[in-house]
């Protein structure tokens, strides 16, 4: 079950429709430096994506990430076992890009508190797995939902405690024309009276949504 803070009473959902591409022209810096005060996240894949589809083992996924030049050095620092042999990665498998072959969705987290620090999608091609999406602006977590890619970020204002972000942004992407394009986004503004701990203050920086990466060729 997801560890994101749930939508509180009095939250306001703002839905903006869109159909334009949000990238696909190469790689770029996806967000601010990571923060250990980010909210916790965990997987909640839909039944269609978690069906009998083989998932690559953790060690192979870690090797894939370490060999990917587009993965940030900060993310690679987190790719160490969390005691024993378990790595801080969640791996889902399903068809996101329309090939019929299982694409890989990888979420990298911190060991101690399972904070989502980066999300990646790898497309299965003849040459192997190719990076087609990344989000490296924590706290972030991506999921598969009936063939769509859904990326969730929690947003903080100055003075917000870790457990009470000011808002949450959920962005849905679909695969069109060889890249992920934003379908719509929804923002939930949490009530500052529920829980009684949200502080006011200046708006925190929002560096915008994650941006797909173009497959080579």
Foldseek 3Di string as FASTA:
>chain_A
DWQAQDAAPPKDKDKDFDWDAPAADAADDFADDDDPLAAATDDDADPQQQPPADWDDLVVVLVVLVPDPRRDPVLNVQQDALPDPHGQKDWTWDAQAPPRHIKIKIFGAHNPRRFTQKIWIWDQDPVGTFTWWMHGHPSKDWYDDPNKIKIKHFFAAPQAGSNDGQKMKIWIWGHDPQHTGTGMMMMIGHDCPVVVRGDDHGGDDDPDDTHTYGGDD
